PDB file of N, CA and C in Angstrom:
ATOM      1  N   MET A   1      18.815  -4.329 -16.977  1.00  0.00           N
ATOM      2  CA  MET A   1      19.201  -2.982 -17.363  1.00  0.00           C
ATOM      3  C   MET A   1      20.644  -2.746 -16.935  1.00  0.00           C
ATOM      4  N   GLU A   2      21.441  -2.228 -17.827  1.00  0.00           N
ATOM      5  CA  GLU A   2      22.857  -2.005 -17.547  1.00  0.00           C
ATOM      6  C   GLU A   2      23.103  -0.698 -16.804  1.00  0.00           C
ATOM      7  N   SER A   3      22.361   0.330 -17.127  1.00  0.00           N
ATOM      8  CA  SER A   3      22.628   1.654 -16.571  1.00  0.00           C
ATOM      9  C   SER A   3      21.539   2.060 -15.582  1.00  0.00           C
ATOM     10  N   TRP A   4      21.935   2.280 -14.345  1.00  0.00           N
ATOM     11  CA  TRP A   4      20.984   2.716 -13.317  1.00  0.00           C
ATOM     12  C   TRP A   4      21.229   4.185 -13.060  1.00  0.00           C
ATOM     13  N   ASN A   5      20.184   4.994 -13.170  1.00  0.00           N
ATOM     14  CA  ASN A   5      20.363   6.429 -12.982  1.00  0.00           C
ATOM     15  C   ASN A   5      19.904   6.867 -11.590  1.00  0.00           C
ATOM     16  N   ASP A   6      19.988   8.175 -11.348  1.00  0.00           N
ATOM     17  CA  ASP A   6      19.630   8.712 -10.035  1.00  0.00           C
ATOM     18  C   ASP A   6      18.193   8.398  -9.639  1.00  0.00           C
ATOM     19  N   THR A   7      17.306   8.306 -10.610  1.00  0.00           N
ATOM     20  CA  THR A   7      15.910   8.019 -10.298  1.00  0.00           C
ATOM     21  C   THR A   7      15.774   6.640  -9.657  1.00  0.00           C
ATOM     22  N   HIS A   8      16.444   5.658 -10.217  1.00  0.00           N
ATOM     23  CA  HIS A   8      16.414   4.302  -9.653  1.00  0.00           C
ATOM     24  C   HIS A   8      16.989   4.314  -8.231  1.00  0.00           C
ATOM     25  N   LEU A   9      18.117   4.978  -8.073  1.00  0.00           N
ATOM     26  CA  LEU A   9      18.773   5.027  -6.769  1.00  0.00           C
ATOM     27  C   LEU A   9      17.905   5.751  -5.742  1.00  0.00           C
ATOM     28  N   GLN A  10      17.227   6.812  -6.166  1.00  0.00           N
ATOM     29  CA  GLN A  10      16.351   7.556  -5.248  1.00  0.00           C
ATOM     30  C   GLN A  10      15.192   6.682  -4.784  1.00  0.00           C
ATOM     31  N   VAL A  11      14.593   5.943  -5.700  1.00  0.00           N
ATOM     32  CA  VAL A  11      13.474   5.067  -5.343  1.00  0.00           C
ATOM     33  C   VAL A  11      13.922   4.028  -4.314  1.00  0.00           C
ATOM     34  N   VAL A  12      15.046   3.354  -4.600  1.00  0.00           N
ATOM     35  CA  VAL A  12      15.518   2.301  -3.697  1.00  0.00           C
ATOM     36  C   VAL A  12      15.928   2.880  -2.355  1.00  0.00           C
ATOM     37  N   SER A  13      16.655   3.994  -2.348  1.00  0.00           N
ATOM     38  CA  SER A  13      17.100   4.561  -1.071  1.00  0.00           C
ATOM     39  C   SER A  13      15.921   5.029  -0.229  1.00  0.00           C
ATOM     40  N   THR A  14      14.890   5.552  -0.862  1.00  0.00           N
ATOM     41  CA  THR A  14      13.687   5.963  -0.125  1.00  0.00           C
ATOM     42  C   THR A  14      13.000   4.756   0.492  1.00  0.00           C
ATOM     43  N   MET A  15      12.923   3.671  -0.265  1.00  0.00           N
ATOM     44  CA  MET A  15      12.268   2.464   0.250  1.00  0.00           C
ATOM     45  C   MET A  15      13.094   1.823   1.368  1.00  0.00           C
ATOM     46  N   VAL A  16      14.404   1.929   1.310  1.00  0.00           N
ATOM     47  CA  VAL A  16      15.264   1.391   2.373  1.00  0.00           C
ATOM     48  C   VAL A  16      15.105   2.219   3.644  1.00  0.00           C
ATOM     49  N   ARG A  17      15.062   3.531   3.506  1.00  0.00           N
ATOM     50  CA  ARG A  17      14.982   4.405   4.685  1.00  0.00           C
ATOM     51  C   ARG A  17      13.662   4.303   5.420  1.00  0.00           C
ATOM     52  N   GLU A  18      12.573   4.086   4.709  1.00  0.00           N
ATOM     53  CA  GLU A  18      11.259   4.142   5.364  1.00  0.00           C
ATOM     54  C   GLU A  18      11.026   3.049   6.406  1.00  0.00           C
ATOM     55  N   PRO A  19      11.308   1.847   6.420  1.00  0.00           N
ATOM     56  CA  PRO A  19      11.543   0.954   5.280  1.00  0.00           C
ATOM     57  C   PRO A  19      10.237   0.421   4.711  1.00  0.00           C
ATOM     58  N   VAL A  20      10.246   0.231   3.429  1.00  0.00           N
ATOM     59  CA  VAL A  20       9.095  -0.347   2.730  1.00  0.00           C
ATOM     60  C   VAL A  20       9.544  -1.706   2.227  1.00  0.00           C
ATOM     61  N   ALA A  21       9.401  -2.711   3.074  1.00  0.00           N
ATOM     62  CA  ALA A  21       9.866  -4.050   2.707  1.00  0.00           C
ATOM     63  C   ALA A  21       8.993  -5.105   3.369  1.00  0.00           C
ATOM     64  N   LYS A  22       9.044  -6.281   2.780  1.00  0.00           N
ATOM     65  CA  LYS A  22       8.322  -7.465   3.269  1.00  0.00           C
ATOM     66  C   LYS A  22       6.836  -7.197   3.413  1.00  0.00           C
ATOM     67  N   THR A  23       6.308  -7.084   4.634  1.00  0.00           N
ATOM     68  CA  THR A  23       4.865  -6.942   4.801  1.00  0.00           C
ATOM     69  C   THR A  23       4.392  -5.497   4.650  1.00  0.00           C
ATOM     70  N   ARG A  24       5.297  -4.538   4.684  1.00  0.00           N
ATOM     71  CA  ARG A  24       4.898  -3.139   4.505  1.00  0.00           C
ATOM     72  C   ARG A  24       4.964  -2.794   3.027  1.00  0.00           C
ATOM     73  N   HIS A  25       3.906  -2.236   2.522  1.00  0.00           N
ATOM     74  CA  HIS A  25       3.873  -1.820   1.129  1.00  0.00           C
ATOM     75  C   HIS A  25       3.156  -0.481   1.027  1.00  0.00           C
ATOM     76  N   VAL A  26       3.454   0.261  -0.039  1.00  0.00           N
ATOM     77  CA  VAL A  26       2.871   1.589  -0.236  1.00  0.00           C
ATOM     78  C   VAL A  26       2.367   1.715  -1.667  1.00  0.00           C
ATOM     79  N   GLN A  27       1.480   2.660  -1.854  1.00  0.00           N
ATOM     80  CA  GLN A  27       1.010   2.989  -3.191  1.00  0.00           C
ATOM     81  C   GLN A  27       2.137   3.648  -3.971  1.00  0.00           C
ATOM     82  N   ARG A  28       2.147   3.448  -5.269  1.00  0.00           N
ATOM     83  CA  ARG A  28       3.143   4.111  -6.130  1.00  0.00           C
ATOM     84  C   ARG A  28       3.087   5.623  -5.924  1.00  0.00           C
ATOM     85  N   GLN A  29       1.895   6.178  -5.859  1.00  0.00           N
ATOM     86  CA  GLN A  29       1.744   7.625  -5.713  1.00  0.00           C
ATOM     87  C   GLN A  29       2.395   8.121  -4.422  1.00  0.00           C
ATOM     88  N   THR A  30       2.262   7.360  -3.349  1.00  0.00           N
ATOM     89  CA  THR A  30       2.874   7.738  -2.072  1.00  0.00           C
ATOM     90  C   THR A  30       4.379   7.767  -2.207  1.00  0.00           C
ATOM     91  N   LEU A  31       4.947   6.722  -2.786  1.00  0.00           N
ATOM     92  CA  LEU A  31       6.395   6.663  -2.970  1.00  0.00           C
ATOM     93  C   LEU A  31       6.867   7.797  -3.864  1.00  0.00           C
ATOM     94  N   LYS A  32       6.123   8.086  -4.925  1.00  0.00           N
ATOM     95  CA  LYS A  32       6.516   9.173  -5.820  1.00  0.00           C
ATOM     96  C   LYS A  32       6.484  10.511  -5.094  1.00  0.00           C
ATOM     97  N   GLY A  33       5.568  10.682  -4.160  1.00  0.00           N
ATOM     98  CA  GLY A  33       5.530  11.903  -3.358  1.00  0.00           C
ATOM     99  C   GLY A  33       6.738  12.025  -2.444  1.00  0.00           C
ATOM    100  N   TRP A  34       7.218  10.900  -1.932  1.00  0.00           N
ATOM    101  CA  TRP A  34       8.411  10.900  -1.071  1.00  0.00           C
ATOM    102  C   TRP A  34       9.669  11.202  -1.860  1.00  0.00           C
ATOM    103  N   CYS A  35       9.663  10.929  -3.166  1.00  0.00           N
ATOM    104  CA  CYS A  35      10.837  11.134  -4.026  1.00  0.00           C
ATOM    105  C   CYS A  35      10.701  12.459  -4.772  1.00  0.00           C
ATOM    106  N   GLY A  36      10.486  13.531  -4.067  1.00  0.00           N
ATOM    107  CA  GLY A  36      10.281  14.839  -4.679  1.00  0.00           C
ATOM    108  C   GLY A  36      11.406  15.229  -5.620  1.00  0.00           C
ATOM    109  N   GLY A  37      11.082  16.068  -6.584  1.00  0.00           N
ATOM    110  CA  GLY A  37      12.082  16.563  -7.509  1.00  0.00           C
ATOM    111  C   GLY A  37      12.229  15.753  -8.782  1.00  0.00           C
ATOM    112  N   TYR A  38      11.460  14.684  -8.927  1.00  0.00           N
ATOM    113  CA  TYR A  38      11.526  13.853 -10.131  1.00  0.00           C
ATOM    114  C   TYR A  38      10.167  13.837 -10.802  1.00  0.00           C
ATOM    115  N   ASP A  39      10.173  13.738 -12.114  1.00  0.00           N
ATOM    116  CA  ASP A  39       8.952  13.636 -12.887  1.00  0.00           C
ATOM    117  C   ASP A  39       8.267  12.296 -12.596  1.00  0.00           C
ATOM    118  N   GLY A  40       6.962  12.312 -12.476  1.00  0.00           N
ATOM    119  CA  GLY A  40       6.209  11.096 -12.157  1.00  0.00           C
ATOM    120  C   GLY A  40       6.420   9.974 -13.156  1.00  0.00           C
ATOM    121  N   ASP A  41       6.530  10.316 -14.450  1.00  0.00           N
ATOM    122  CA  ASP A  41       6.753   9.290 -15.468  1.00  0.00           C
ATOM    123  C   ASP A  41       8.128   8.650 -15.312  1.00  0.00           C
ATOM    124  N   GLN A  42       9.138   9.457 -14.952  1.00  0.00           N
ATOM    125  CA  GLN A  42      10.479   8.916 -14.710  1.00  0.00           C
ATOM    126  C   GLN A  42      10.443   7.921 -13.556  1.00  0.00           C
ATOM    127  N   LEU A  43       9.735   8.291 -12.506  1.00  0.00           N
ATOM    128  CA  LEU A  43       9.642   7.406 -11.339  1.00  0.00           C
ATOM    129  C   LEU A  43       8.894   6.124 -11.675  1.00  0.00           C
ATOM    130  N   ASP A  44       7.823   6.224 -12.457  1.00  0.00           N
ATOM    131  CA  ASP A  44       7.090   5.019 -12.871  1.00  0.00           C
ATOM    132  C   ASP A  44       7.992   4.090 -13.673  1.00  0.00           C
ATOM    133  N   GLU A  45       8.783   4.656 -14.586  1.00  0.00           N
ATOM    134  CA  GLU A  45       9.700   3.843 -15.384  1.00  0.00           C
ATOM    135  C   GLU A  45      10.748   3.180 -14.491  1.00  0.00           C
ATOM    136  N   ALA A  46      11.274   3.936 -13.524  1.00  0.00           N
ATOM    137  CA  ALA A  46      12.277   3.380 -12.610  1.00  0.00           C
ATOM    138  C   ALA A  46      11.675   2.243 -11.784  1.00  0.00           C
ATOM    139  N   ILE A  47      10.467   2.443 -11.271  1.00  0.00           N
ATOM    140  CA  ILE A  47       9.804   1.401 -10.488  1.00  0.00           C
ATOM    141  C   ILE A  47       9.581   0.161 -11.354  1.00  0.00           C
ATOM    142  N   ASP A  48       9.136   0.362 -12.596  1.00  0.00           N
ATOM    143  CA  ASP A  48       8.927  -0.769 -13.507  1.00  0.00           C
ATOM    144  C   ASP A  48      10.230  -1.529 -13.755  1.00  0.00           C
ATOM    145  N   ASP A  49      11.344  -0.800 -13.924  1.00  0.00           N
ATOM    146  CA  ASP A  49      12.650  -1.444 -14.118  1.00  0.00           C
ATOM    147  C   ASP A  49      13.033  -2.269 -12.897  1.00  0.00           C
ATOM    148  N   LEU A  50      12.788  -1.724 -11.710  1.00  0.00           N
ATOM    149  CA  LEU A  50      13.135  -2.420 -10.468  1.00  0.00           C
ATOM    150  C   LEU A  50      12.241  -3.641 -10.241  1.00  0.00           C
ATOM    151  N   VAL A  51      10.991  -3.559 -10.683  1.00  0.00           N
ATOM    152  CA  VAL A  51      10.096  -4.717 -10.622  1.00  0.00           C
ATOM    153  C   VAL A  51      10.607  -5.792 -11.582  1.00  0.00           C
ATOM    154  N   ALA A  52      11.069  -5.369 -12.760  1.00  0.00           N
ATOM    155  CA  ALA A  52      11.533  -6.321 -13.777  1.00  0.00           C
ATOM    156  C   ALA A  52      12.743  -7.136 -13.303  1.00  0.00           C
ATOM    157  N   ILE A  53      13.616  -6.536 -12.475  1.00  0.00           N
ATOM    158  CA  ILE A  53      14.781  -7.293 -11.990  1.00  0.00           C
ATOM    159  C   ILE A  53      14.492  -8.017 -10.680  1.00  0.00           C
ATOM    160  N   GLY A  54      13.300  -7.820 -10.114  1.00  0.00           N
ATOM    161  CA  GLY A  54      12.911  -8.542  -8.913  1.00  0.00           C
ATOM    162  C   GLY A  54      13.285  -7.876  -7.609  1.00  0.00           C
ATOM    163  N   LEU A  55      13.844  -6.670  -7.647  1.00  0.00           N
ATOM    164  CA  LEU A  55      14.199  -5.971  -6.413  1.00  0.00           C
ATOM    165  C   LEU A  55      12.953  -5.423  -5.721  1.00  0.00           C
ATOM    166  N   VAL A  56      11.996  -4.979  -6.519  1.00  0.00           N
ATOM    167  CA  VAL A  56      10.730  -4.450  -6.001  1.00  0.00           C
ATOM    168  C   VAL A  56       9.622  -5.392  -6.464  1.00  0.00           C
ATOM    169  N   ARG A  57       8.705  -5.683  -5.552  1.00  0.00           N
ATOM    170  CA  ARG A  57       7.548  -6.517  -5.893  1.00  0.00           C
ATOM    171  C   ARG A  57       6.312  -5.645  -5.964  1.00  0.00           C
ATOM    172  N   GLU A  58       5.506  -5.891  -6.963  1.00  0.00           N
ATOM    173  CA  GLU A  58       4.249  -5.174  -7.086  1.00  0.00           C
ATOM    174  C   GLU A  58       3.159  -6.077  -6.537  1.00  0.00           C
ATOM    175  N   LYS A  59       2.419  -5.555  -5.587  1.00  0.00           N
ATOM    176  CA  LYS A  59       1.344  -6.328  -4.966  1.00  0.00           C
ATOM    177  C   LYS A  59       0.004  -5.865  -5.516  1.00  0.00           C
ATOM    178  N   GLY A  60      -1.041  -6.356  -4.943  1.00  0.00           N
ATOM    179  CA  GLY A  60      -2.385  -6.010  -5.396  1.00  0.00           C
ATOM    180  C   GLY A  60      -2.714  -4.542  -5.239  1.00  0.00           C
ATOM    181  N   ARG A  61      -3.580  -4.076  -6.074  1.00  0.00           N
ATOM    182  CA  ARG A  61      -4.092  -2.705  -6.067  1.00  0.00           C
ATOM    183  C   ARG A  61      -2.995  -1.648  -6.196  1.00  0.00           C
ATOM    184  N   GLY A  62      -1.935  -1.972  -6.908  1.00  0.00           N
ATOM    185  CA  GLY A  62      -0.917  -0.975  -7.223  1.00  0.00           C
ATOM    186  C   GLY A  62       0.072  -0.672  -6.123  1.00  0.00           C
ATOM    187  N   THR A  63       0.141  -1.515  -5.103  1.00  0.00           N
ATOM    188  CA  THR A  63       1.116  -1.267  -4.045  1.00  0.00           C
ATOM    189  C   THR A  63       2.426  -1.975  -4.358  1.00  0.00           C
ATOM    190  N   ILE A  64       3.510  -1.430  -3.817  1.00  0.00           N
ATOM    191  CA  ILE A  64       4.830  -1.989  -4.071  1.00  0.00           C
ATOM    192  C   ILE A  64       5.601  -2.128  -2.762  1.00  0.00           C
ATOM    193  N   THR A  65       6.595  -3.024  -2.778  1.00  0.00           N
ATOM    194  CA  THR A  65       7.438  -3.252  -1.612  1.00  0.00           C
ATOM    195  C   THR A  65       8.798  -3.746  -2.086  1.00  0.00           C
ATOM    196  N   LEU A  66       9.833  -3.508  -1.288  1.00  0.00           N
ATOM    197  CA  LEU A  66      11.147  -4.071  -1.572  1.00  0.00           C
ATOM    198  C   LEU A  66      11.141  -5.559  -1.260  1.00  0.00           C
ATOM    199  N   ARG A  67      11.911  -6.320  -2.000  1.00  0.00           N
ATOM    200  CA  ARG A  67      12.072  -7.744  -1.677  1.00  0.00           C
ATOM    201  C   ARG A  67      12.640  -7.861  -0.267  1.00  0.00           C
ATOM    202  N   SER A  68      13.670  -7.056   0.039  1.00  0.00           N
ATOM    203  CA  SER A  68      14.205  -6.980   1.399  1.00  0.00           C
ATOM    204  C   SER A  68      15.040  -5.713   1.522  1.00  0.00           C
ATOM    205  N   VAL A  69      15.176  -5.219   2.738  1.00  0.00           N
ATOM    206  CA  VAL A  69      16.007  -4.043   2.983  1.00  0.00           C
ATOM    207  C   VAL A  69      17.456  -4.357   2.627  1.00  0.00           C
ATOM    208  N   GLN A  70      17.920  -5.558   2.964  1.00  0.00           N
ATOM    209  CA  GLN A  70      19.299  -5.940   2.668  1.00  0.00           C
ATOM    210  C   GLN A  70      19.556  -5.941   1.159  1.00  0.00           C
ATOM    211  N   ALA A  71      18.613  -6.435   0.377  1.00  0.00           N
ATOM    212  CA  ALA A  71      18.767  -6.431  -1.076  1.00  0.00           C
ATOM    213  C   ALA A  71      18.819  -5.001  -1.606  1.00  0.00           C
ATOM    214  N   GLY A  72      18.019  -4.121  -1.029  1.00  0.00           N
ATOM    215  CA  GLY A  72      18.047  -2.714  -1.412  1.00  0.00           C
ATOM    216  C   GLY A  72      19.387  -2.068  -1.105  1.00  0.00           C
ATOM    217  N   LYS A  73      19.938  -2.367   0.069  1.00  0.00           N
ATOM    218  CA  LYS A  73      21.253  -1.823   0.444  1.00  0.00           C
ATOM    219  C   LYS A  73      22.346  -2.352  -0.483  1.00  0.00           C
ATOM    220  N   ARG A  74      22.290  -3.631  -0.814  1.00  0.00           N
ATOM    221  CA  ARG A  74      23.285  -4.203  -1.736  1.00  0.00           C
ATOM    222  C   ARG A  74      23.205  -3.529  -3.108  1.00  0.00           C
ATOM    223  N   PHE A  75      21.982  -3.270  -3.579  1.00  0.00           N
ATOM    224  CA  PHE A  75      21.794  -2.592  -4.860  1.00  0.00           C
ATOM    225  C   PHE A  75      22.435  -1.208  -4.814  1.00  0.00           C
ATOM    226  N   LEU A  76      22.184  -0.467  -3.738  1.00  0.00           N
ATOM    227  CA  LEU A  76      22.758   0.872  -3.620  1.00  0.00           C
ATOM    228  C   LEU A  76      24.279   0.826  -3.553  1.00  0.00           C
ATOM    229  N   GLU A  77      24.821  -0.093  -2.769  1.00  0.00           N
ATOM    230  CA  GLU A  77      26.275  -0.204  -2.648  1.00  0.00           C
ATOM    231  C   GLU A  77      26.918  -0.519  -3.996  1.00  0.00           C
ATOM    232  N   LYS A  78      26.253  -1.324  -4.787  1.00  0.00           N
ATOM    233  CA  LYS A  78      26.803  -1.720  -6.082  1.00  0.00           C
ATOM    234  C   LYS A  78      26.712  -0.612  -7.125  1.00  0.00           C
ATOM    235  N   HIS A  79      25.636   0.174  -7.112  1.00  0.00           N
ATOM    236  CA  HIS A  79      25.378   1.112  -8.204  1.00  0.00           C
ATOM    237  C   HIS A  79      25.545   2.584  -7.846  1.00  0.00           C
ATOM    238  N   ASP A  80      25.723   2.918  -6.595  1.00  0.00           N
ATOM    239  CA  ASP A  80      25.873   4.322  -6.192  1.00  0.00           C
ATOM    240  C   ASP A  80      27.356   4.699  -6.225  1.00  0.00           C
ATOM    241  N   GLU A  81      27.823   5.074  -7.406  1.00  0.00           N
ATOM    242  CA  GLU A  81      29.239   5.366  -7.587  1.00  0.00           C
ATOM    243  C   GLU A  81      29.678   6.628  -6.852  1.00  0.00           C
ATOM    244  N   GLY A  82      28.795   7.605  -6.730  1.00  0.00           N
ATOM    245  CA  GLY A  82      29.160   8.862  -6.082  1.00  0.00           C
ATOM    246  C   GLY A  82      28.973   8.859  -4.576  1.00  0.00           C
ATOM    247  N   GLY A  83      28.361   7.813  -4.023  1.00  0.00           N
ATOM    248  CA  GLY A  83      28.127   7.735  -2.594  1.00  0.00           C
ATOM    249  C   GLY A  83      27.030   8.653  -2.088  1.00  0.00           C
ATOM    250  N   ASP A  84      26.179   9.110  -2.992  1.00  0.00           N
ATOM    251  CA  ASP A  84      25.113  10.037  -2.616  1.00  0.00           C
ATOM    252  C   ASP A  84      23.942   9.362  -1.908  1.00  0.00           C
ATOM    253  N   TYR A  85      23.783   8.059  -2.079  1.00  0.00           N
ATOM    254  CA  TYR A  85      22.595   7.378  -1.570  1.00  0.00           C
ATOM    255  C   TYR A  85      22.891   6.355  -0.470  1.00  0.00           C
ATOM    256  N   VAL A  86      24.134   6.127  -0.155  1.00  0.00           N
ATOM    257  CA  VAL A  86      24.467   5.132   0.873  1.00  0.00           C
ATOM    258  C   VAL A  86      24.907   5.780   2.185  1.00  0.00           C
ATOM    259  N   TRP A  87      24.767   7.059   2.321  1.00  0.00           N
ATOM    260  CA  TRP A  87      25.239   7.792   3.508  1.00  0.00           C
ATOM    261  C   TRP A  87      24.470   7.443   4.766  1.00  0.00           C
ATOM    262  N   PHE A  88      23.270   6.915   4.645  1.00  0.00           N
ATOM    263  CA  PHE A  88      22.379   6.781   5.800  1.00  0.00           C
ATOM    264  C   PHE A  88      22.578   5.513   6.586  1.00  0.00           C
ATOM    265  N   TYR A  89      23.489   4.628   6.211  1.00  0.00           N
ATOM    266  CA  TYR A  89      23.675   3.417   7.006  1.00  0.00           C
ATOM    267  C   TYR A  89      25.112   3.060   7.184  1.00  0.00           C
TER     268      TYR A  89
END
């Protein structure tokens, strides 16, 4: 995907902050609750896009996790043009 919008950045930044990576995984619904202010379908599409590029892994029973916190930070640094999502590290 060429264009990453705020929904993608919100999902990744939330997963980096928690952190939801490696052995820790959460239900999609839990993550969507943490990303308040976005439509659930938008968040599902963003998560699917992130799974497609390999940044997020989908595990059994609908749980998801970041490939790594470092990969999440690199994604944010590369795509957060306004600096709205990289302030926390």
